[in-house]
Amino acid sequence: LTSYTDRFKEFMRDLAVRFNVNIIGGSHPTMVDSGDVQNISYVFLRDGSIHQQVKLHPTPNEKRWWNIKGGTELNPIPTDCGLIGVLICYDSEFPETARHLVNQGVRILFVPFCTDERQSFMRVRYCAHARAVENQIYVVMAGNIGNLPNVENMDIQYAQSCILTPCDFPFARDGIAADTTPNVEMIAVADLNLDTLSVARNDGTVQNLRDRRFDLYEVRWKL
C-alpha cells in the first residue's frame, strides 16, 4: 500500500478542493524518509493544503504483520472550522493523548479506525466516548466495513461510525449526535455547535475540565 501514497494524497486533495469540503482521509501506511513504515492520517482541507497525524501507538498486530513504527508528535490541525485533532484508532484508548490536544484548544476529535470484530470495535467506541465526556468535546468516529478475504490480517472488518458528544443536558440524552447501522455502508450527519461545548464547560451538570485538580496531577508532554 505504501506505493499508493502519492496517488492517494493527490486524489483526496482534488476531492476536497472540487467539492469545497475538509476531508479526514482515514489512515494510510506510509514509507517515511527513514525507511520506516508509519500509519498516517492525512487531512485534506478545502484550500488544497494537506496535514497529517502519525499514529503514536501501533497495535501488536501492526508491529507483527507490517512492522509499523509509532510517531512522536501530536499537534492540533488548524482548519476553517477551528482546531481539530486526530487520534488513529488505538491512540484513542490512551486518555493522555486527547487531553494533550484539548489543552491546545481542540474541540473536535476525529478517530478513524479499523477493527475486525465487535469486541475490538467496542473497545475503541467506549474509549472514544470517554474522551468526549472527560474533555467535553465532540468525537467523530469513522471505520471501514466489508471483507478482504485474500488480504492476510485484513480479511474481516467491523464498524459502526458515529458522532459522539458529552453526556449532559445541551446534548442528546445518550451522548450520540448521529449513529449508523453496524456493518452497513452509511453516512452519519450532525450539526455540531462549538458554543454548546462552552455552555457545558461553564454551566454543565458536571464541569470536568474546570474541576481538574492541578494540585494533584497533570498531563505533561515530553516532546
C-alpha atoms as a PDB file:
ATOM      1  CA  LEU A   1       0.000   0.000   0.000  1.00  0.00           C
ATOM      2  CA  THR A   2       2.893   2.383   0.564  1.00  0.00           C
ATOM      3  CA  SER A   3       3.360   2.616  -3.203  1.00  0.00           C
ATOM      4  CA  TYR A   4      -0.065   4.281  -3.475  1.00  0.00           C
ATOM      5  CA  THR A   5       0.608   7.120  -1.028  1.00  0.00           C
ATOM      6  CA  ASP A   6       1.268   9.874  -3.561  1.00  0.00           C
ATOM      7  CA  ARG A   7      -1.698   8.932  -5.735  1.00  0.00           C
ATOM      8  CA  PHE A   8      -3.952   8.692  -2.695  1.00  0.00           C
ATOM      9  CA  LYS A   9      -2.938  12.138  -1.458  1.00  0.00           C
ATOM     10  CA  GLU A  10      -3.400  13.747  -4.863  1.00  0.00           C
ATOM     11  CA  PHE A  11      -6.813  12.136  -5.350  1.00  0.00           C
ATOM     12  CA  MET A  12      -8.114  13.152  -1.921  1.00  0.00           C
ATOM     13  CA  ARG A  13      -6.774  16.693  -2.189  1.00  0.00           C
ATOM     14  CA  ASP A  14      -8.551  17.115  -5.521  1.00  0.00           C
ATOM     15  CA  LEU A  15     -11.812  15.912  -3.956  1.00  0.00           C
ATOM     16  CA  ALA A  16     -11.504  18.370  -1.069  1.00  0.00           C
ATOM     17  CA  VAL A  17     -10.928  21.307  -3.420  1.00  0.00           C
ATOM     18  CA  ARG A  18     -13.507  20.267  -6.009  1.00  0.00           C
ATOM     19  CA  PHE A  19     -16.319  19.778  -3.507  1.00  0.00           C
ATOM     20  CA  ASN A  20     -15.190  22.549  -1.119  1.00  0.00           C
ATOM     21  CA  VAL A  21     -15.000  20.270   1.925  1.00  0.00           C
ATOM     22  CA  ASN A  22     -12.461  19.255   4.535  1.00  0.00           C
ATOM     23  CA  ILE A  23     -11.679  15.532   4.498  1.00  0.00           C
ATOM     24  CA  ILE A  24     -10.106  13.411   7.225  1.00  0.00           C
ATOM     25  CA  GLY A  25      -8.818  10.663   4.958  1.00  0.00           C
ATOM     26  CA  GLY A  26      -8.807   7.655   7.268  1.00  0.00           C
ATOM     27  CA  SER A  27      -5.247   6.421   7.680  1.00  0.00           C
ATOM     28  CA  HIS A  28      -2.681   5.053   5.265  1.00  0.00           C
ATOM     29  CA  PRO A  29       0.567   3.069   5.692  1.00  0.00           C
ATOM     30  CA  THR A  30       3.309   5.395   4.512  1.00  0.00           C
ATOM     31  CA  MET A  31       7.020   4.887   3.920  1.00  0.00           C
ATOM     32  CA  VAL A  32       8.815   7.802   5.574  1.00  0.00           C
ATOM     33  CA  ASP A  33      12.283   9.208   4.897  1.00  0.00           C
ATOM     34  CA  SER A  34      13.927   6.941   7.476  1.00  0.00           C
ATOM     35  CA  GLY A  35      12.679   3.874   5.604  1.00  0.00           C
ATOM     36  CA  ASP A  36      10.200   3.004   8.345  1.00  0.00           C
ATOM     37  CA  VAL A  37       6.504   2.482   7.670  1.00  0.00           C
ATOM     38  CA  GLN A  38       4.097   4.583   9.719  1.00  0.00           C
ATOM     39  CA  ASN A  39       0.313   4.642   9.925  1.00  0.00           C
ATOM     40  CA  ILE A  40      -0.606   8.209   8.946  1.00  0.00           C
ATOM     41  CA  SER A  41      -3.931  10.003   8.812  1.00  0.00           C
ATOM     42  CA  TYR A  42      -3.924  12.706   6.144  1.00  0.00           C
ATOM     43  CA  VAL A  43      -6.249  15.681   6.466  1.00  0.00           C
ATOM     44  CA  PHE A  44      -7.184  17.390   3.204  1.00  0.00           C
ATOM     45  CA  LEU A  45      -8.534  20.917   3.512  1.00  0.00           C
ATOM     46  CA  ARG A  46     -10.706  22.751   1.030  1.00  0.00           C
ATOM     47  CA  ASP A  47      -7.909  25.274   0.403  1.00  0.00           C
ATOM     48  CA  GLY A  48      -5.755  22.496  -1.066  1.00  0.00           C
ATOM     49  CA  SER A  49      -3.436  22.087   1.914  1.00  0.00           C
ATOM     50  CA  ILE A  50      -2.596  18.671   3.348  1.00  0.00           C
ATOM     51  CA  HIS A  51      -1.882  17.973   7.015  1.00  0.00           C
ATOM     52  CA  GLN A  52      -1.039  14.718   8.728  1.00  0.00           C
ATOM     53  CA  GLN A  53      -1.073  12.903  12.050  1.00  0.00           C
ATOM     54  CA  VAL A  54       1.069   9.822  12.615  1.00  0.00           C
ATOM     55  CA  LYS A  55      -0.321   7.052  14.789  1.00  0.00           C
ATOM     56  CA  LEU A  56       1.559   7.058  18.093  1.00  0.00           C
ATOM     57  CA  HIS A  57       0.679   3.592  19.371  1.00  0.00           C
ATOM     58  CA  PRO A  58       0.842   0.788  16.778  1.00  0.00           C
ATOM     59  CA  THR A  59      -1.102  -2.258  17.909  1.00  0.00           C
ATOM     60  CA  PRO A  60       0.707  -5.561  18.479  1.00  0.00           C
ATOM     61  CA  ASN A  61      -0.694  -6.796  15.148  1.00  0.00           C
ATOM     62  CA  GLU A  62       0.533  -3.712  13.290  1.00  0.00           C
ATOM     63  CA  LYS A  63       4.004  -4.276  14.688  1.00  0.00           C
ATOM     64  CA  ARG A  64       3.967  -8.004  13.953  1.00  0.00           C
ATOM     65  CA  TRP A  65       2.472  -8.077  10.460  1.00  0.00           C
ATOM     66  CA  TRP A  66       3.563  -4.766   8.960  1.00  0.00           C
ATOM     67  CA  ASN A  67       6.400  -3.543  11.181  1.00  0.00           C
ATOM     68  CA  ILE A  68       4.572  -0.246  11.749  1.00  0.00           C
ATOM     69  CA  LYS A  69       6.539   2.304  13.772  1.00  0.00           C
ATOM     70  CA  GLY A  70       4.881   4.818  16.075  1.00  0.00           C
ATOM     71  CA  GLY A  71       5.173   8.576  15.700  1.00  0.00           C
ATOM     72  CA  THR A  72       6.365  11.072  18.295  1.00  0.00           C
ATOM     73  CA  GLU A  73       4.309  14.219  17.639  1.00  0.00           C
ATOM     74  CA  LEU A  74       0.690  15.073  18.378  1.00  0.00           C
ATOM     75  CA  ASN A  75      -0.481  18.519  17.355  1.00  0.00           C
ATOM     76  CA  PRO A  76      -3.764  20.275  16.551  1.00  0.00           C
ATOM     77  CA  ILE A  77      -4.597  20.818  12.896  1.00  0.00           C
ATOM     78  CA  PRO A  78      -5.864  24.315  12.000  1.00  0.00           C
ATOM     79  CA  THR A  79      -8.960  24.392   9.786  1.00  0.00           C
ATOM     80  CA  ASP A  80     -11.535  26.993   8.788  1.00  0.00           C
ATOM     81  CA  CYS A  81     -13.790  25.354  11.396  1.00  0.00           C
ATOM     82  CA  GLY A  82     -11.279  25.728  14.214  1.00  0.00           C
ATOM     83  CA  LEU A  83      -8.597  23.471  15.617  1.00  0.00           C
ATOM     84  CA  ILE A  84      -9.180  19.738  15.237  1.00  0.00           C
ATOM     85  CA  GLY A  85      -7.298  16.692  16.445  1.00  0.00           C
ATOM     86  CA  VAL A  86      -6.859  13.199  15.033  1.00  0.00           C
ATOM     87  CA  LEU A  87      -6.262  10.042  17.062  1.00  0.00           C
ATOM     88  CA  ILE A  88      -5.956   6.938  14.917  1.00  0.00           C
ATOM     89  CA  CYS A  89      -7.892   4.003  16.364  1.00  0.00           C
ATOM     90  CA  TYR A  90      -5.777   2.599  19.245  1.00  0.00           C
ATOM     91  CA  ASP A  91      -4.444   6.085  20.077  1.00  0.00           C
ATOM     92  CA  SER A  92      -7.916   6.995  21.364  1.00  0.00           C
ATOM     93  CA  GLU A  93      -7.519   4.368  24.099  1.00  0.00           C
ATOM     94  CA  PHE A  94      -4.877   6.488  25.836  1.00  0.00           C
ATOM     95  CA  PRO A  95      -6.559   9.382  27.732  1.00  0.00           C
ATOM     96  CA  GLU A  96      -3.399  11.482  27.814  1.00  0.00           C
ATOM     97  CA  THR A  97      -3.416  11.905  24.038  1.00  0.00           C
ATOM     98  CA  ALA A  98      -6.832  13.554  23.850  1.00  0.00           C
ATOM     99  CA  ARG A  99      -6.126  15.735  26.881  1.00  0.00           C
ATOM    100  CA  HIS A 100      -2.901  16.929  25.256  1.00  0.00           C
ATOM    101  CA  LEU A 101      -4.879  18.062  22.210  1.00  0.00           C
ATOM    102  CA  VAL A 102      -7.660  19.631  24.277  1.00  0.00           C
ATOM    103  CA  ASN A 103      -5.085  21.572  26.279  1.00  0.00           C
ATOM    104  CA  GLN A 104      -4.078  23.144  22.956  1.00  0.00           C
ATOM    105  CA  GLY A 105      -7.610  24.186  22.043  1.00  0.00           C
ATOM    106  CA  VAL A 106      -9.043  21.211  20.155  1.00  0.00           C
ATOM    107  CA  ARG A 107     -12.830  20.823  20.445  1.00  0.00           C
ATOM    108  CA  ILE A 108     -13.490  18.246  17.726  1.00  0.00           C
ATOM    109  CA  LEU A 109     -11.568  14.981  17.742  1.00  0.00           C
ATOM    110  CA  PHE A 110     -11.580  12.605  14.783  1.00  0.00           C
ATOM    111  CA  VAL A 111     -10.955   8.886  15.300  1.00  0.00           C
ATOM    112  CA  PRO A 112     -10.504   6.910  12.078  1.00  0.00           C
ATOM    113  CA  PHE A 113     -10.412   3.225  12.991  1.00  0.00           C
ATOM    114  CA  CYS A 114     -10.109  -0.285  11.627  1.00  0.00           C
ATOM    115  CA  THR A 115     -11.412  -3.141  13.779  1.00  0.00           C
ATOM    116  CA  ASP A 116     -12.021  -6.735  12.792  1.00  0.00           C
ATOM    117  CA  GLU A 117     -14.892  -7.717  15.091  1.00  0.00           C
ATOM    118  CA  ARG A 118     -17.334  -6.286  17.616  1.00  0.00           C
ATOM    119  CA  GLN A 119     -15.139  -6.637  20.707  1.00  0.00           C
ATOM    120  CA  SER A 120     -12.366  -4.621  19.093  1.00  0.00           C
ATOM    121  CA  PHE A 121     -14.829  -2.003  17.868  1.00  0.00           C
ATOM    122  CA  MET A 122     -16.499  -1.586  21.252  1.00  0.00           C
ATOM    123  CA  ARG A 123     -13.142  -1.071  22.912  1.00  0.00           C
ATOM    124  CA  VAL A 124     -12.451   1.877  20.599  1.00  0.00           C
ATOM    125  CA  ARG A 125     -16.010   3.203  20.863  1.00  0.00           C
ATOM    126  CA  TYR A 126     -16.134   3.122  24.665  1.00  0.00           C
ATOM    127  CA  CYS A 127     -12.785   4.897  24.866  1.00  0.00           C
ATOM    128  CA  ALA A 128     -13.762   7.487  22.257  1.00  0.00           C
ATOM    129  CA  HIS A 129     -16.942   8.301  24.157  1.00  0.00           C
ATOM    130  CA  ALA A 130     -14.981   8.540  27.387  1.00  0.00           C
ATOM    131  CA  ARG A 131     -12.729  11.107  25.689  1.00  0.00           C
ATOM    132  CA  ALA A 132     -15.837  13.110  24.734  1.00  0.00           C
ATOM    133  CA  VAL A 133     -17.168  13.063  28.294  1.00  0.00           C
ATOM    134  CA  GLU A 134     -13.966  13.758  30.197  1.00  0.00           C
ATOM    135  CA  ASN A 135     -12.821  16.531  27.830  1.00  0.00           C
ATOM    136  CA  GLN A 136     -16.277  17.923  26.975  1.00  0.00           C
ATOM    137  CA  ILE A 137     -15.614  17.739  23.239  1.00  0.00           C
ATOM    138  CA  TYR A 138     -17.135  16.186  20.136  1.00  0.00           C
ATOM    139  CA  VAL A 139     -15.640  12.935  18.857  1.00  0.00           C
ATOM    140  CA  VAL A 140     -16.243  11.681  15.320  1.00  0.00           C
ATOM    141  CA  MET A 141     -15.546   8.001  14.643  1.00  0.00           C
ATOM    142  CA  ALA A 142     -15.318   6.558  11.123  1.00  0.00           C
ATOM    143  CA  GLY A 143     -14.409   2.959  10.324  1.00  0.00           C
ATOM    144  CA  ASN A 144     -14.276   0.613   7.365  1.00  0.00           C
ATOM    145  CA  ILE A 145     -16.550  -2.355   6.730  1.00  0.00           C
ATOM    146  CA  GLY A 146     -16.585  -5.340   4.401  1.00  0.00           C
ATOM    147  CA  ASN A 147     -14.274  -8.278   3.789  1.00  0.00           C
ATOM    148  CA  LEU A 148     -10.901  -8.687   2.091  1.00  0.00           C
ATOM    149  CA  PRO A 149     -10.604 -12.485   2.111  1.00  0.00           C
ATOM    150  CA  ASN A 150      -7.286 -12.564   0.264  1.00  0.00           C
ATOM    151  CA  VAL A 151      -5.515  -9.986   2.448  1.00  0.00           C
ATOM    152  CA  GLU A 152      -3.885 -11.553   5.479  1.00  0.00           C
ATOM    153  CA  ASN A 153      -4.760  -9.860   8.781  1.00  0.00           C
ATOM    154  CA  MET A 154      -7.245  -7.574   6.980  1.00  0.00           C
ATOM    155  CA  ASP A 155      -9.751 -10.218   5.946  1.00  0.00           C
ATOM    156  CA  ILE A 156     -12.723  -9.086   8.069  1.00  0.00           C
ATOM    157  CA  GLN A 157     -13.943  -5.676   9.239  1.00  0.00           C
ATOM    158  CA  TYR A 158     -16.490  -4.467  11.783  1.00  0.00           C
ATOM    159  CA  ALA A 159     -17.539  -0.842  12.169  1.00  0.00           C
ATOM    160  CA  GLN A 160     -20.314   1.464  13.287  1.00  0.00           C
ATOM    161  CA  SER A 161     -19.389   5.053  12.530  1.00  0.00           C
ATOM    162  CA  CYS A 162     -20.847   7.721  14.806  1.00  0.00           C
ATOM    163  CA  ILE A 163     -20.655  11.264  16.130  1.00  0.00           C
ATOM    164  CA  LEU A 164     -20.328  11.427  19.913  1.00  0.00           C
ATOM    165  CA  THR A 165     -20.951  14.252  22.373  1.00  0.00           C
ATOM    166  CA  PRO A 166     -20.612  14.842  26.104  1.00  0.00           C
ATOM    167  CA  CYS A 167     -23.446  13.426  28.213  1.00  0.00           C
ATOM    168  CA  ASP A 168     -25.258  16.444  29.595  1.00  0.00           C
ATOM    169  CA  PHE A 169     -28.404  18.498  29.034  1.00  0.00           C
ATOM    170  CA  PRO A 170     -27.346  20.513  25.949  1.00  0.00           C
ATOM    171  CA  PHE A 171     -26.730  17.285  24.029  1.00  0.00           C
ATOM    172  CA  ALA A 172     -28.587  14.116  23.078  1.00  0.00           C
ATOM    173  CA  ARG A 173     -29.503  12.136  26.194  1.00  0.00           C
ATOM    174  CA  ASP A 174     -27.267   9.211  25.195  1.00  0.00           C
ATOM    175  CA  GLY A 175     -24.370  11.395  24.063  1.00  0.00           C
ATOM    176  CA  ILE A 176     -24.770  10.300  20.437  1.00  0.00           C
ATOM    177  CA  ALA A 177     -25.434  13.056  17.908  1.00  0.00           C
ATOM    178  CA  ALA A 178     -25.581  10.624  14.972  1.00  0.00           C
ATOM    179  CA  ASP A 179     -25.152   6.891  14.562  1.00  0.00           C
ATOM    180  CA  THR A 180     -25.100   4.298  11.797  1.00  0.00           C
ATOM    181  CA  THR A 181     -26.166   0.683  11.440  1.00  0.00           C
ATOM    182  CA  PRO A 182     -23.339  -1.730  12.297  1.00  0.00           C
ATOM    183  CA  ASN A 183     -21.523  -3.086   9.247  1.00  0.00           C
ATOM    184  CA  VAL A 184     -23.645  -1.114   6.786  1.00  0.00           C
ATOM    185  CA  GLU A 185     -22.124   1.488   4.481  1.00  0.00           C
ATOM    186  CA  MET A 186     -23.766   4.729   5.619  1.00  0.00           C
ATOM    187  CA  ILE A 187     -23.138   8.423   6.211  1.00  0.00           C
ATOM    188  CA  ALA A 188     -23.686   9.947   9.660  1.00  0.00           C
ATOM    189  CA  VAL A 189     -24.656  13.629   9.609  1.00  0.00           C
ATOM    190  CA  ALA A 190     -24.951  16.052  12.525  1.00  0.00           C
ATOM    191  CA  ASP A 191     -24.729  19.801  13.144  1.00  0.00           C
ATOM    192  CA  LEU A 192     -22.173  20.472  15.881  1.00  0.00           C
ATOM    193  CA  ASN A 193     -22.244  23.793  17.714  1.00  0.00           C
ATOM    194  CA  LEU A 194     -18.940  24.630  19.383  1.00  0.00           C
ATOM    195  CA  ASP A 195     -20.641  27.245  21.562  1.00  0.00           C
ATOM    196  CA  THR A 196     -22.675  24.462  23.167  1.00  0.00           C
ATOM    197  CA  LEU A 197     -19.429  22.951  24.423  1.00  0.00           C
ATOM    198  CA  SER A 198     -18.659  26.245  26.161  1.00  0.00           C
ATOM    199  CA  VAL A 199     -22.073  26.171  27.825  1.00  0.00           C
ATOM    200  CA  ALA A 200     -21.425  22.643  29.092  1.00  0.00           C
ATOM    201  CA  ARG A 201     -17.945  23.519  30.314  1.00  0.00           C
ATOM    202  CA  ASN A 202     -19.107  26.597  32.218  1.00  0.00           C
ATOM    203  CA  ASP A 203     -22.616  25.679  33.361  1.00  0.00           C
ATOM    204  CA  GLY A 204     -22.990  21.929  32.879  1.00  0.00           C
ATOM    205  CA  THR A 205     -24.200  19.421  35.448  1.00  0.00           C
ATOM    206  CA  VAL A 206     -20.554  18.418  35.726  1.00  0.00           C
ATOM    207  CA  GLN A 207     -17.591  20.508  34.591  1.00  0.00           C
ATOM    208  CA  ASN A 208     -14.794  18.049  34.003  1.00  0.00           C
ATOM    209  CA  LEU A 209     -12.244  20.487  32.635  1.00  0.00           C
ATOM    210  CA  ARG A 210     -12.865  23.166  35.249  1.00  0.00           C
ATOM    211  CA  ASP A 211     -12.836  20.684  38.144  1.00  0.00           C
ATOM    212  CA  ARG A 212      -9.437  19.165  37.398  1.00  0.00           C
ATOM    213  CA  ARG A 213      -7.084  19.005  40.403  1.00  0.00           C
ATOM    214  CA  PHE A 214      -3.875  20.544  39.125  1.00  0.00           C
ATOM    215  CA  ASP A 215      -2.530  20.367  42.660  1.00  0.00           C
ATOM    216  CA  LEU A 216      -2.612  16.572  42.358  1.00  0.00           C
ATOM    217  CA  TYR A 217      -1.900  15.667  38.722  1.00  0.00           C
ATOM    218  CA  GLU A 218      -1.149  16.950  35.241  1.00  0.00           C
ATOM    219  CA  VAL A 219      -0.618  15.734  31.678  1.00  0.00           C
ATOM    220  CA  ARG A 220       2.920  16.622  30.641  1.00  0.00           C
ATOM    221  CA  TRP A 221       4.089  16.064  27.078  1.00  0.00           C
ATOM    222  CA  LYS A 222       7.818  15.297  26.859  1.00  0.00           C
ATOM    223  CA  LEU A 223       8.488  16.211  23.216  1.00  0.00           C
END
